[in-house]
Amino acid sequence: MAKYSMTRDQLYHYIKTYGISKVKVGRIIKISKQELDNLFAPPKI
């Protein structure tokens, strides 16, 4: 959340909308860092 300056709800919205991989381990949700970085990377021209 801090890396992308987003709230938890905004981050969860992007995860759901773009189908980012996630795994629930107990109370913690682990998100694919590589997929998230690719989503928020600047566009290539």
C-alpha atoms as a PDB file:
ATOM      1  CA  MET A   1       0.000   0.000   0.000  1.00  0.00           C
ATOM      2  CA  ALA A   2       2.782   2.420   0.901  1.00  0.00           C
ATOM      3  CA  LYS A   3       4.778   1.638  -2.261  1.00  0.00           C
ATOM      4  CA  TYR A   4       1.919   2.693  -4.539  1.00  0.00           C
ATOM      5  CA  SER A   5       0.381   5.342  -2.220  1.00  0.00           C
ATOM      6  CA  MET A   6      -2.999   3.583  -2.182  1.00  0.00           C
ATOM      7  CA  THR A   7      -5.538   2.619   0.412  1.00  0.00           C
ATOM      8  CA  ARG A   8      -6.288  -1.030   1.121  1.00  0.00           C
ATOM      9  CA  ASP A   9      -9.646  -0.763  -0.655  1.00  0.00           C
ATOM     10  CA  GLN A  10      -8.064   0.724  -3.796  1.00  0.00           C
ATOM     11  CA  LEU A  11      -5.484  -2.046  -3.884  1.00  0.00           C
ATOM     12  CA  TYR A  12      -8.132  -4.763  -3.472  1.00  0.00           C
ATOM     13  CA  HIS A  13     -10.147  -3.152  -6.294  1.00  0.00           C
ATOM     14  CA  TYR A  14      -7.181  -3.437  -8.679  1.00  0.00           C
ATOM     15  CA  ILE A  15      -6.560  -7.029  -7.583  1.00  0.00           C
ATOM     16  CA  LYS A  16     -10.157  -7.994  -8.322  1.00  0.00           C
ATOM     17  CA  THR A  17     -10.475  -5.997 -11.553  1.00  0.00           C
ATOM     18  CA  TYR A  18      -7.230  -7.142 -13.177  1.00  0.00           C
ATOM     19  CA  GLY A  19      -7.155 -10.687 -11.777  1.00  0.00           C
ATOM     20  CA  ILE A  20      -3.918 -10.376  -9.808  1.00  0.00           C
ATOM     21  CA  SER A  21      -2.878 -13.667  -8.181  1.00  0.00           C
ATOM     22  CA  LYS A  22      -3.409 -13.897  -4.431  1.00  0.00           C
ATOM     23  CA  VAL A  23      -3.152 -16.589  -1.776  1.00  0.00           C
ATOM     24  CA  LYS A  24      -4.790 -16.449   1.634  1.00  0.00           C
ATOM     25  CA  VAL A  25      -2.593 -17.781   4.439  1.00  0.00           C
ATOM     26  CA  GLY A  26      -4.563 -17.575   7.672  1.00  0.00           C
ATOM     27  CA  ARG A  27      -5.529 -13.931   8.105  1.00  0.00           C
ATOM     28  CA  ILE A  28      -2.879 -12.674   5.680  1.00  0.00           C
ATOM     29  CA  ILE A  29      -3.447 -12.261   1.935  1.00  0.00           C
ATOM     30  CA  LYS A  30      -0.286 -12.620  -0.140  1.00  0.00           C
ATOM     31  CA  ILE A  31      -0.297 -10.839  -3.492  1.00  0.00           C
ATOM     32  CA  SER A  32       1.962 -11.512  -6.484  1.00  0.00           C
ATOM     33  CA  LYS A  33       4.528  -8.689  -6.357  1.00  0.00           C
ATOM     34  CA  GLN A  34       5.638  -9.229  -9.952  1.00  0.00           C
ATOM     35  CA  GLU A  35       2.099  -8.958 -11.352  1.00  0.00           C
ATOM     36  CA  LEU A  36       1.395  -5.842  -9.290  1.00  0.00           C
ATOM     37  CA  ASP A  37       4.659  -4.204 -10.436  1.00  0.00           C
ATOM     38  CA  ASN A  38       3.783  -4.994 -14.057  1.00  0.00           C
ATOM     39  CA  LEU A  39       0.327  -3.460 -13.642  1.00  0.00           C
ATOM     40  CA  PHE A  40       1.630  -0.171 -12.226  1.00  0.00           C
ATOM     41  CA  ALA A  41       4.767   0.080 -14.397  1.00  0.00           C
ATOM     42  CA  PRO A  42       4.951   3.095 -16.705  1.00  0.00           C
ATOM     43  CA  PRO A  43       3.776   2.349 -20.259  1.00  0.00           C
ATOM     44  CA  LYS A  44       6.406   1.357 -22.812  1.00  0.00           C
ATOM     45  CA  ILE A  45       6.421   3.363 -26.010  1.00  0.00           C
END
